[in-house]
Amino acid sequence: GDNAKNTVYLQMNTLKPEDTAVYYC
């Protein structure tokens, strides 16, 4: 997270087909 930017991140590595989805914050 970056509190100054009011932003949260999700770094996703080594992605797999089963990671396919709609991602919600």
mmCIF file of all heavy atoms, coordinates in Angstrom:
data_MODEL
# 
_entry.id   MODEL 
# 
loop_
_atom_site.group_PDB 
_atom_site.id 
_atom_site.type_symbol 
_atom_site.label_atom_id 
_atom_site.label_alt_id 
_atom_site.label_comp_id 
_atom_site.label_asym_id 
_atom_site.label_entity_id 
_atom_site.label_seq_id 
_atom_site.pdbx_PDB_ins_code 
_atom_site.Cartn_x 
_atom_site.Cartn_y 
_atom_site.Cartn_z 
_atom_site.occupancy 
_atom_site.B_iso_or_equiv 
_atom_site.pdbx_formal_charge 
_atom_site.auth_seq_id 
_atom_site.auth_comp_id 
_atom_site.auth_asym_id 
_atom_site.auth_atom_id 
_atom_site.pdbx_PDB_model_num 
ATOM 1   N N   . GLY A 1 1  ? 0.812   -1.208  0.000   1.00 0.00 ? 1  GLY A N   1 
ATOM 2   C CA  . GLY A 1 1  ? 0.000   0.000   0.000   1.00 0.00 ? 1  GLY A CA  1 
ATOM 3   C C   . GLY A 1 1  ? 0.848   1.261   0.000   1.00 0.00 ? 1  GLY A C   1 
ATOM 4   O O   . GLY A 1 1  ? 1.980   1.249   0.494   1.00 0.00 ? 1  GLY A O   1 
ATOM 5   N N   . ASP A 1 2  ? 0.294   2.308   -0.572  1.00 0.00 ? 2  ASP A N   1 
ATOM 6   C CA  . ASP A 1 2  ? 0.913   3.631   -0.549  1.00 0.00 ? 2  ASP A CA  1 
ATOM 7   C C   . ASP A 1 2  ? -0.123  4.579   0.044   1.00 0.00 ? 2  ASP A C   1 
ATOM 8   O O   . ASP A 1 2  ? -1.035  5.027   -0.653  1.00 0.00 ? 2  ASP A O   1 
ATOM 9   C CB  . ASP A 1 2  ? 1.315   4.057   -1.957  1.00 0.00 ? 2  ASP A CB  1 
ATOM 10  C CG  . ASP A 1 2  ? 2.086   5.369   -1.982  1.00 0.00 ? 2  ASP A CG  1 
ATOM 11  O OD1 . ASP A 1 2  ? 1.899   6.180   -1.045  1.00 0.00 ? 2  ASP A OD1 1 
ATOM 12  O OD2 . ASP A 1 2  ? 2.842   5.589   -2.927  1.00 0.00 ? 2  ASP A OD2 1 
ATOM 13  N N   . ASN A 1 3  ? -0.008  4.846   1.339   1.00 0.00 ? 3  ASN A N   1 
ATOM 14  C CA  . ASN A 1 3  ? -1.017  5.656   2.021   1.00 0.00 ? 3  ASN A CA  1 
ATOM 15  C C   . ASN A 1 3  ? -1.101  7.067   1.445   1.00 0.00 ? 3  ASN A C   1 
ATOM 16  O O   . ASN A 1 3  ? -2.176  7.658   1.381   1.00 0.00 ? 3  ASN A O   1 
ATOM 17  C CB  . ASN A 1 3  ? -0.714  5.706   3.513   1.00 0.00 ? 3  ASN A CB  1 
ATOM 18  C CG  . ASN A 1 3  ? -0.869  4.356   4.189   1.00 0.00 ? 3  ASN A CG  1 
ATOM 19  O OD1 . ASN A 1 3  ? -1.654  3.510   3.740   1.00 0.00 ? 3  ASN A OD1 1 
ATOM 20  N ND2 . ASN A 1 3  ? -0.118  4.130   5.254   1.00 0.00 ? 3  ASN A ND2 1 
ATOM 21  N N   . ALA A 1 4  ? 0.020   7.607   1.025   1.00 0.00 ? 4  ALA A N   1 
ATOM 22  C CA  . ALA A 1 4  ? 0.024   8.967   0.470   1.00 0.00 ? 4  ALA A CA  1 
ATOM 23  C C   . ALA A 1 4  ? -0.784  9.054   -0.816  1.00 0.00 ? 4  ALA A C   1 
ATOM 24  O O   . ALA A 1 4  ? -1.343  10.106  -1.141  1.00 0.00 ? 4  ALA A O   1 
ATOM 25  C CB  . ALA A 1 4  ? 1.455   9.422   0.229   1.00 0.00 ? 4  ALA A CB  1 
ATOM 26  N N   . LYS A 1 5  ? -0.846  7.960   -1.551  1.00 0.00 ? 5  LYS A N   1 
ATOM 27  C CA  . LYS A 1 5  ? -1.590  7.928   -2.819  1.00 0.00 ? 5  LYS A CA  1 
ATOM 28  C C   . LYS A 1 5  ? -2.949  7.261   -2.677  1.00 0.00 ? 5  LYS A C   1 
ATOM 29  O O   . LYS A 1 5  ? -3.653  7.089   -3.670  1.00 0.00 ? 5  LYS A O   1 
ATOM 30  C CB  . LYS A 1 5  ? -0.771  7.198   -3.891  1.00 0.00 ? 5  LYS A CB  1 
ATOM 31  C CG  . LYS A 1 5  ? 0.526   7.898   -4.271  1.00 0.00 ? 5  LYS A CG  1 
ATOM 32  C CD  . LYS A 1 5  ? 1.251   7.149   -5.386  1.00 0.00 ? 5  LYS A CD  1 
ATOM 33  C CE  . LYS A 1 5  ? 2.516   7.877   -5.797  1.00 0.00 ? 5  LYS A CE  1 
ATOM 34  N NZ  . LYS A 1 5  ? 3.239   7.140   -6.872  1.00 0.00 ? 5  LYS A NZ  1 
ATOM 35  N N   . ASN A 1 6  ? -3.309  6.857   -1.451  1.00 0.00 ? 6  ASN A N   1 
ATOM 36  C CA  . ASN A 1 6  ? -4.581  6.159   -1.226  1.00 0.00 ? 6  ASN A CA  1 
ATOM 37  C C   . ASN A 1 6  ? -4.720  4.961   -2.176  1.00 0.00 ? 6  ASN A C   1 
ATOM 38  O O   . ASN A 1 6  ? -5.803  4.704   -2.716  1.00 0.00 ? 6  ASN A O   1 
ATOM 39  C CB  . ASN A 1 6  ? -5.773  7.106   -1.417  1.00 0.00 ? 6  ASN A CB  1 
ATOM 40  C CG  . ASN A 1 6  ? -5.748  8.278   -0.470  1.00 0.00 ? 6  ASN A CG  1 
ATOM 41  O OD1 . ASN A 1 6  ? -5.336  8.152   0.674   1.00 0.00 ? 6  ASN A OD1 1 
ATOM 42  N ND2 . ASN A 1 6  ? -6.170  9.434   -0.948  1.00 0.00 ? 6  ASN A ND2 1 
ATOM 43  N N   . THR A 1 7  ? -3.644  4.244   -2.371  1.00 0.00 ? 7  THR A N   1 
ATOM 44  C CA  . THR A 1 7  ? -3.607  3.169   -3.363  1.00 0.00 ? 7  THR A CA  1 
ATOM 45  C C   . THR A 1 7  ? -3.042  1.894   -2.752  1.00 0.00 ? 7  THR A C   1 
ATOM 46  O O   . THR A 1 7  ? -2.093  1.949   -1.962  1.00 0.00 ? 7  THR A O   1 
ATOM 47  C CB  . THR A 1 7  ? -2.768  3.585   -4.578  1.00 0.00 ? 7  THR A CB  1 
ATOM 48  O OG1 . THR A 1 7  ? -3.339  4.757   -5.171  1.00 0.00 ? 7  THR A OG1 1 
ATOM 49  C CG2 . THR A 1 7  ? -2.737  2.489   -5.626  1.00 0.00 ? 7  THR A CG2 1 
ATOM 50  N N   . VAL A 1 8  ? -3.646  0.778   -3.135  1.00 0.00 ? 8  VAL A N   1 
ATOM 51  C CA  . VAL A 1 8  ? -3.166  -0.539  -2.746  1.00 0.00 ? 8  VAL A CA  1 
ATOM 52  C C   . VAL A 1 8  ? -2.841  -1.310  -4.021  1.00 0.00 ? 8  VAL A C   1 
ATOM 53  O O   . VAL A 1 8  ? -3.545  -1.169  -5.037  1.00 0.00 ? 8  VAL A O   1 
ATOM 54  C CB  . VAL A 1 8  ? -4.229  -1.304  -1.933  1.00 0.00 ? 8  VAL A CB  1 
ATOM 55  C CG1 . VAL A 1 8  ? -3.791  -2.723  -1.644  1.00 0.00 ? 8  VAL A CG1 1 
ATOM 56  C CG2 . VAL A 1 8  ? -4.510  -0.577  -0.632  1.00 0.00 ? 8  VAL A CG2 1 
ATOM 57  N N   . TYR A 1 9  ? -1.786  -2.095  -3.952  1.00 0.00 ? 9  TYR A N   1 
ATOM 58  C CA  . TYR A 1 9  ? -1.333  -2.837  -5.122  1.00 0.00 ? 9  TYR A CA  1 
ATOM 59  C C   . TYR A 1 9  ? -1.366  -4.340  -4.852  1.00 0.00 ? 9  TYR A C   1 
ATOM 60  O O   . TYR A 1 9  ? -1.271  -4.784  -3.698  1.00 0.00 ? 9  TYR A O   1 
ATOM 61  C CB  . TYR A 1 9  ? 0.105   -2.440  -5.473  1.00 0.00 ? 9  TYR A CB  1 
ATOM 62  C CG  . TYR A 1 9  ? 0.295   -0.965  -5.680  1.00 0.00 ? 9  TYR A CG  1 
ATOM 63  C CD1 . TYR A 1 9  ? 0.775   -0.161  -4.651  1.00 0.00 ? 9  TYR A CD1 1 
ATOM 64  C CD2 . TYR A 1 9  ? -0.011  -0.370  -6.897  1.00 0.00 ? 9  TYR A CD2 1 
ATOM 65  C CE1 . TYR A 1 9  ? 0.947   1.201   -4.832  1.00 0.00 ? 9  TYR A CE1 1 
ATOM 66  C CE2 . TYR A 1 9  ? 0.167   0.996   -7.089  1.00 0.00 ? 9  TYR A CE2 1 
ATOM 67  C CZ  . TYR A 1 9  ? 0.643   1.768   -6.050  1.00 0.00 ? 9  TYR A CZ  1 
ATOM 68  O OH  . TYR A 1 9  ? 0.810   3.123   -6.232  1.00 0.00 ? 9  TYR A OH  1 
ATOM 69  N N   . LEU A 1 10 ? -1.462  -5.101  -5.919  1.00 0.00 ? 10 LEU A N   1 
ATOM 70  C CA  . LEU A 1 10 ? -1.315  -6.552  -5.836  1.00 0.00 ? 10 LEU A CA  1 
ATOM 71  C C   . LEU A 1 10 ? -0.367  -6.967  -6.955  1.00 0.00 ? 10 LEU A C   1 
ATOM 72  O O   . LEU A 1 10 ? -0.748  -6.936  -8.137  1.00 0.00 ? 10 LEU A O   1 
ATOM 73  C CB  . LEU A 1 10 ? -2.656  -7.273  -5.970  1.00 0.00 ? 10 LEU A CB  1 
ATOM 74  C CG  . LEU A 1 10 ? -2.583  -8.793  -5.778  1.00 0.00 ? 10 LEU A CG  1 
ATOM 75  C CD1 . LEU A 1 10 ? -2.237  -9.132  -4.313  1.00 0.00 ? 10 LEU A CD1 1 
ATOM 76  C CD2 . LEU A 1 10 ? -3.905  -9.465  -6.160  1.00 0.00 ? 10 LEU A CD2 1 
ATOM 77  N N   . GLN A 1 11 ? 0.860   -7.295  -6.584  1.00 0.00 ? 11 GLN A N   1 
ATOM 78  C CA  . GLN A 1 11 ? 1.825   -7.795  -7.546  1.00 0.00 ? 11 GLN A CA  1 
ATOM 79  C C   . GLN A 1 11 ? 1.634   -9.291  -7.673  1.00 0.00 ? 11 GLN A C   1 
ATOM 80  O O   . GLN A 1 11 ? 1.731   -10.019 -6.674  1.00 0.00 ? 11 GLN A O   1 
ATOM 81  C CB  . GLN A 1 11 ? 3.253   -7.481  -7.093  1.00 0.00 ? 11 GLN A CB  1 
ATOM 82  C CG  . GLN A 1 11 ? 4.329   -8.027  -8.010  1.00 0.00 ? 11 GLN A CG  1 
ATOM 83  C CD  . GLN A 1 11 ? 4.328   -7.352  -9.379  1.00 0.00 ? 11 GLN A CD  1 
ATOM 84  O OE1 . GLN A 1 11 ? 4.206   -6.133  -9.480  1.00 0.00 ? 11 GLN A OE1 1 
ATOM 85  N NE2 . GLN A 1 11 ? 4.486   -8.140  -10.431 1.00 0.00 ? 11 GLN A NE2 1 
ATOM 86  N N   . MET A 1 12 ? 1.362   -9.741  -8.887  1.00 0.00 ? 12 MET A N   1 
ATOM 87  C CA  . MET A 1 12 ? 1.077   -11.159 -9.119  1.00 0.00 ? 12 MET A CA  1 
ATOM 88  C C   . MET A 1 12 ? 2.141   -11.725 -10.050 1.00 0.00 ? 12 MET A C   1 
ATOM 89  O O   . MET A 1 12 ? 2.268   -11.282 -11.197 1.00 0.00 ? 12 MET A O   1 
ATOM 90  C CB  . MET A 1 12 ? -0.317  -11.327 -9.736  1.00 0.00 ? 12 MET A CB  1 
ATOM 91  C CG  . MET A 1 12 ? -1.419  -10.674 -8.932  1.00 0.00 ? 12 MET A CG  1 
ATOM 92  S SD  . MET A 1 12 ? -3.067  -11.001 -9.579  1.00 0.00 ? 12 MET A SD  1 
ATOM 93  C CE  . MET A 1 12 ? -2.970  -10.151 -11.158 1.00 0.00 ? 12 MET A CE  1 
ATOM 94  N N   . ASN A 1 13 ? 2.901   -12.675 -9.535  1.00 0.00 ? 13 ASN A N   1 
ATOM 95  C CA  . ASN A 1 13 ? 3.958   -13.324 -10.316 1.00 0.00 ? 13 ASN A CA  1 
ATOM 96  C C   . ASN A 1 13 ? 3.640   -14.799 -10.511 1.00 0.00 ? 13 ASN A C   1 
ATOM 97  O O   . ASN A 1 13 ? 2.817   -15.368 -9.798  1.00 0.00 ? 13 ASN A O   1 
ATOM 98  C CB  . ASN A 1 13 ? 5.300   -13.171 -9.601  1.00 0.00 ? 13 ASN A CB  1 
ATOM 99  C CG  . ASN A 1 13 ? 5.726   -11.732 -9.456  1.00 0.00 ? 13 ASN A CG  1 
ATOM 100 O OD1 . ASN A 1 13 ? 5.439   -10.882 -10.300 1.00 0.00 ? 13 ASN A OD1 1 
ATOM 101 N ND2 . ASN A 1 13 ? 6.422   -11.441 -8.355  1.00 0.00 ? 13 ASN A ND2 1 
ATOM 102 N N   . THR A 1 14 ? 4.329   -15.402 -11.452 1.00 0.00 ? 14 THR A N   1 
ATOM 103 C CA  . THR A 1 14 ? 4.164   -16.835 -11.743 1.00 0.00 ? 14 THR A CA  1 
ATOM 104 C C   . THR A 1 14 ? 2.687   -17.188 -11.853 1.00 0.00 ? 14 THR A C   1 
ATOM 105 O O   . THR A 1 14 ? 2.183   -18.122 -11.206 1.00 0.00 ? 14 THR A O   1 
ATOM 106 C CB  . THR A 1 14 ? 4.845   -17.701 -10.653 1.00 0.00 ? 14 THR A CB  1 
ATOM 107 O OG1 . THR A 1 14 ? 6.099   -17.128 -10.290 1.00 0.00 ? 14 THR A OG1 1 
ATOM 108 C CG2 . THR A 1 14 ? 5.102   -19.104 -11.174 1.00 0.00 ? 14 THR A CG2 1 
ATOM 109 N N   . LEU A 1 15 ? 1.983   -16.435 -12.656 1.00 0.00 ? 15 LEU A N   1 
ATOM 110 C CA  . LEU A 1 15 ? 0.539   -16.629 -12.780 1.00 0.00 ? 15 LEU A CA  1 
ATOM 111 C C   . LEU A 1 15 ? 0.199   -17.966 -13.415 1.00 0.00 ? 15 LEU A C   1 
ATOM 112 O O   . LEU A 1 15 ? 0.923   -18.479 -14.283 1.00 0.00 ? 15 LEU A O   1 
ATOM 113 C CB  . LEU A 1 15 ? -0.065  -15.490 -13.582 1.00 0.00 ? 15 LEU A CB  1 
ATOM 114 C CG  . LEU A 1 15 ? -0.236  -14.189 -12.788 1.00 0.00 ? 15 LEU A CG  1 
ATOM 115 C CD1 . LEU A 1 15 ? -0.375  -12.993 -13.711 1.00 0.00 ? 15 LEU A CD1 1 
ATOM 116 C CD2 . LEU A 1 15 ? -1.435  -14.293 -11.855 1.00 0.00 ? 15 LEU A CD2 1 
ATOM 117 N N   . LYS A 1 16 ? -0.922  -18.530 -12.950 1.00 0.00 ? 16 LYS A N   1 
ATOM 118 C CA  . LYS A 1 16 ? -1.406  -19.833 -13.412 1.00 0.00 ? 16 LYS A CA  1 
ATOM 119 C C   . LYS A 1 16 ? -2.797  -19.667 -14.020 1.00 0.00 ? 16 LYS A C   1 
ATOM 120 O O   . LYS A 1 16 ? -3.521  -18.721 -13.672 1.00 0.00 ? 16 LYS A O   1 
ATOM 121 C CB  . LYS A 1 16 ? -1.486  -20.805 -12.234 1.00 0.00 ? 16 LYS A CB  1 
ATOM 122 C CG  . LYS A 1 16 ? -0.192  -20.977 -11.468 1.00 0.00 ? 16 LYS A CG  1 
ATOM 123 C CD  . LYS A 1 16 ? -0.413  -21.869 -10.247 1.00 0.00 ? 16 LYS A CD  1 
ATOM 124 C CE  . LYS A 1 16 ? 0.871   -22.043 -9.453  1.00 0.00 ? 16 LYS A CE  1 
ATOM 125 N NZ  . LYS A 1 16 ? 0.666   -22.906 -8.251  1.00 0.00 ? 16 LYS A NZ  1 
ATOM 126 N N   . PRO A 1 17 ? -3.198  -20.575 -14.885 1.00 0.00 ? 17 PRO A N   1 
ATOM 127 C CA  . PRO A 1 17 ? -4.553  -20.477 -15.443 1.00 0.00 ? 17 PRO A CA  1 
ATOM 128 C C   . PRO A 1 17 ? -5.634  -20.414 -14.364 1.00 0.00 ? 17 PRO A C   1 
ATOM 129 O O   . PRO A 1 17 ? -6.654  -19.729 -14.550 1.00 0.00 ? 17 PRO A O   1 
ATOM 130 C CB  . PRO A 1 17 ? -4.669  -21.754 -16.282 1.00 0.00 ? 17 PRO A CB  1 
ATOM 131 C CG  . PRO A 1 17 ? -3.266  -22.039 -16.709 1.00 0.00 ? 17 PRO A CG  1 
ATOM 132 C CD  . PRO A 1 17 ? -2.420  -21.645 -15.536 1.00 0.00 ? 17 PRO A CD  1 
ATOM 133 N N   . GLU A 1 18 ? -5.411  -21.086 -13.258 1.00 0.00 ? 18 GLU A N   1 
ATOM 134 C CA  . GLU A 1 18 ? -6.413  -21.062 -12.183 1.00 0.00 ? 18 GLU A CA  1 
ATOM 135 C C   . GLU A 1 18 ? -6.489  -19.729 -11.450 1.00 0.00 ? 18 GLU A C   1 
ATOM 136 O O   . GLU A 1 18 ? -7.357  -19.551 -10.597 1.00 0.00 ? 18 GLU A O   1 
ATOM 137 C CB  . GLU A 1 18 ? -6.157  -22.198 -11.178 1.00 0.00 ? 18 GLU A CB  1 
ATOM 138 C CG  . GLU A 1 18 ? -4.751  -22.273 -10.649 1.00 0.00 ? 18 GLU A CG  1 
ATOM 139 C CD  . GLU A 1 18 ? -3.885  -23.282 -11.409 1.00 0.00 ? 18 GLU A CD  1 
ATOM 140 O OE1 . GLU A 1 18 ? -3.959  -23.313 -12.666 1.00 0.00 ? 18 GLU A OE1 1 
ATOM 141 O OE2 . GLU A 1 18 ? -3.133  -24.019 -10.742 1.00 0.00 ? 18 GLU A OE2 1 
ATOM 142 N N   . ASP A 1 19 ? -5.600  -18.801 -11.760 1.00 0.00 ? 19 ASP A N   1 
ATOM 143 C CA  . ASP A 1 19 ? -5.699  -17.450 -11.209 1.00 0.00 ? 19 ASP A CA  1 
ATOM 144 C C   . ASP A 1 19 ? -6.680  -16.585 -12.014 1.00 0.00 ? 19 ASP A C   1 
ATOM 145 O O   . ASP A 1 19 ? -6.966  -15.451 -11.625 1.00 0.00 ? 19 ASP A O   1 
ATOM 146 C CB  . ASP A 1 19 ? -4.331  -16.761 -11.211 1.00 0.00 ? 19 ASP A CB  1 
ATOM 147 C CG  . ASP A 1 19 ? -3.341  -17.424 -10.276 1.00 0.00 ? 19 ASP A CG  1 
ATOM 148 O OD1 . ASP A 1 19 ? -3.737  -17.797 -9.158  1.00 0.00 ? 19 ASP A OD1 1 
ATOM 149 O OD2 . ASP A 1 19 ? -2.167  -17.572 -10.671 1.00 0.00 ? 19 ASP A OD2 1 
ATOM 150 N N   . THR A 1 20 ? -7.176  -17.117 -13.109 1.00 0.00 ? 20 THR A N   1 
ATOM 151 C CA  . THR A 1 20 ? -8.130  -16.379 -13.930 1.00 0.00 ? 20 THR A CA  1 
ATOM 152 C C   . THR A 1 20 ? -9.394  -16.075 -13.135 1.00 0.00 ? 20 THR A C   1 
ATOM 153 O O   . THR A 1 20 ? -10.016 -16.974 -12.572 1.00 0.00 ? 20 THR A O   1 
ATOM 154 C CB  . THR A 1 20 ? -8.492  -17.185 -15.189 1.00 0.00 ? 20 THR A CB  1 
ATOM 155 O OG1 . THR A 1 20 ? -7.329  -17.320 -16.002 1.00 0.00 ? 20 THR A OG1 1 
ATOM 156 C CG2 . THR A 1 20 ? -9.599  -16.498 -15.980 1.00 0.00 ? 20 THR A CG2 1 
ATOM 157 N N   . ALA A 1 21 ? -9.754  -14.802 -13.070 1.00 0.00 ? 21 ALA A N   1 
ATOM 158 C CA  . ALA A 1 21 ? -10.905 -14.374 -12.275 1.00 0.00 ? 21 ALA A CA  1 
ATOM 159 C C   . ALA A 1 21 ? -11.082 -12.867 -12.440 1.00 0.00 ? 21 ALA A C   1 
ATOM 160 O O   . ALA A 1 21 ? -10.216 -12.191 -12.995 1.00 0.00 ? 21 ALA A O   1 
ATOM 161 C CB  . ALA A 1 21 ? -10.701 -14.700 -10.799 1.00 0.00 ? 21 ALA A CB  1 
ATOM 162 N N   . VAL A 1 22 ? -12.199 -12.376 -11.926 1.00 0.00 ? 22 VAL A N   1 
ATOM 163 C CA  . VAL A 1 22 ? -12.353 -10.944 -11.728 1.00 0.00 ? 22 VAL A CA  1 
ATOM 164 C C   . VAL A 1 22 ? -11.809 -10.630 -10.344 1.00 0.00 ? 22 VAL A C   1 
ATOM 165 O O   . VAL A 1 22 ? -12.203 -11.265 -9.363  1.00 0.00 ? 22 VAL A O   1 
ATOM 166 C CB  . VAL A 1 22 ? -13.820 -10.508 -11.842 1.00 0.00 ? 22 VAL A CB  1 
ATOM 167 C CG1 . VAL A 1 22 ? -13.946 -9.008  -11.578 1.00 0.00 ? 22 VAL A CG1 1 
ATOM 168 C CG2 . VAL A 1 22 ? -14.372 -10.848 -13.221 1.00 0.00 ? 22 VAL A CG2 1 
ATOM 169 N N   . TYR A 1 23 ? -10.914 -9.670  -10.280 1.00 0.00 ? 23 TYR A N   1 
ATOM 170 C CA  . TYR A 1 23 ? -10.282 -9.288  -9.027  1.00 0.00 ? 23 TYR A CA  1 
ATOM 171 C C   . TYR A 1 23 ? -10.911 -8.005  -8.511  1.00 0.00 ? 23 TYR A C   1 
ATOM 172 O O   . TYR A 1 23 ? -11.014 -7.011  -9.242  1.00 0.00 ? 23 TYR A O   1 
ATOM 173 C CB  . TYR A 1 23 ? -8.783  -9.113  -9.221  1.00 0.00 ? 23 TYR A CB  1 
ATOM 174 C CG  . TYR A 1 23 ? -8.053  -10.426 -9.321  1.00 0.00 ? 23 TYR A CG  1 
ATOM 175 C CD1 . TYR A 1 23 ? -8.208  -11.252 -10.434 1.00 0.00 ? 23 TYR A CD1 1 
ATOM 176 C CD2 . TYR A 1 23 ? -7.228  -10.867 -8.286  1.00 0.00 ? 23 TYR A CD2 1 
ATOM 177 C CE1 . TYR A 1 23 ? -7.555  -12.475 -10.512 1.00 0.00 ? 23 TYR A CE1 1 
ATOM 178 C CE2 . TYR A 1 23 ? -6.562  -12.085 -8.357  1.00 0.00 ? 23 TYR A CE2 1 
ATOM 179 C CZ  . TYR A 1 23 ? -6.733  -12.886 -9.479  1.00 0.00 ? 23 TYR A CZ  1 
ATOM 180 O OH  . TYR A 1 23 ? -6.087  -14.095 -9.552  1.00 0.00 ? 23 TYR A OH  1 
ATOM 181 N N   . TYR A 1 24 ? -11.309 -8.045  -7.230  1.00 0.00 ? 24 TYR A N   1 
ATOM 182 C CA  . TYR A 1 24 ? -11.989 -6.932  -6.594  1.00 0.00 ? 24 TYR A CA  1 
ATOM 183 C C   . TYR A 1 24 ? -11.165 -6.387  -5.443  1.00 0.00 ? 24 TYR A C   1 
ATOM 184 O O   . TYR A 1 24 ? -10.576 -7.146  -4.669  1.00 0.00 ? 24 TYR A O   1 
ATOM 185 C CB  . TYR A 1 24 ? -13.340 -7.370  -6.039  1.00 0.00 ? 24 TYR A CB  1 
ATOM 186 C CG  . TYR A 1 24 ? -14.326 -7.852  -7.070  1.00 0.00 ? 24 TYR A CG  1 
ATOM 187 C CD1 . TYR A 1 24 ? -14.382 -9.184  -7.428  1.00 0.00 ? 24 TYR A CD1 1 
ATOM 188 C CD2 . TYR A 1 24 ? -15.210 -6.957  -7.676  1.00 0.00 ? 24 TYR A CD2 1 
ATOM 189 C CE1 . TYR A 1 24 ? -15.295 -9.636  -8.371  1.00 0.00 ? 24 TYR A CE1 1 
ATOM 190 C CE2 . TYR A 1 24 ? -16.130 -7.394  -8.619  1.00 0.00 ? 24 TYR A CE2 1 
ATOM 191 C CZ  . TYR A 1 24 ? -16.159 -8.735  -8.964  1.00 0.00 ? 24 TYR A CZ  1 
ATOM 192 O OH  . TYR A 1 24 ? -17.064 -9.174  -9.898  1.00 0.00 ? 24 TYR A OH  1 
ATOM 193 N N   . CYS A 1 25 ? -11.197 -5.089  -5.309  1.00 0.00 ? 25 CYS A N   1 
ATOM 194 C CA  . CYS A 1 25 ? -10.582 -4.414  -4.177  1.00 0.00 ? 25 CYS A CA  1 
ATOM 195 C C   . CYS A 1 25 ? -11.662 -4.157  -3.135  1.00 0.00 ? 25 CYS A C   1 
ATOM 196 O O   . CYS A 1 25 ? -12.825 -3.882  -3.470  1.00 0.00 ? 25 CYS A O   1 
ATOM 197 C CB  . CYS A 1 25 ? -9.985  -3.100  -4.663  1.00 0.00 ? 25 CYS A CB  1 
ATOM 198 S SG  . CYS A 1 25 ? -9.219  -2.086  -3.391  1.00 0.00 ? 25 CYS A SG  1 
# 
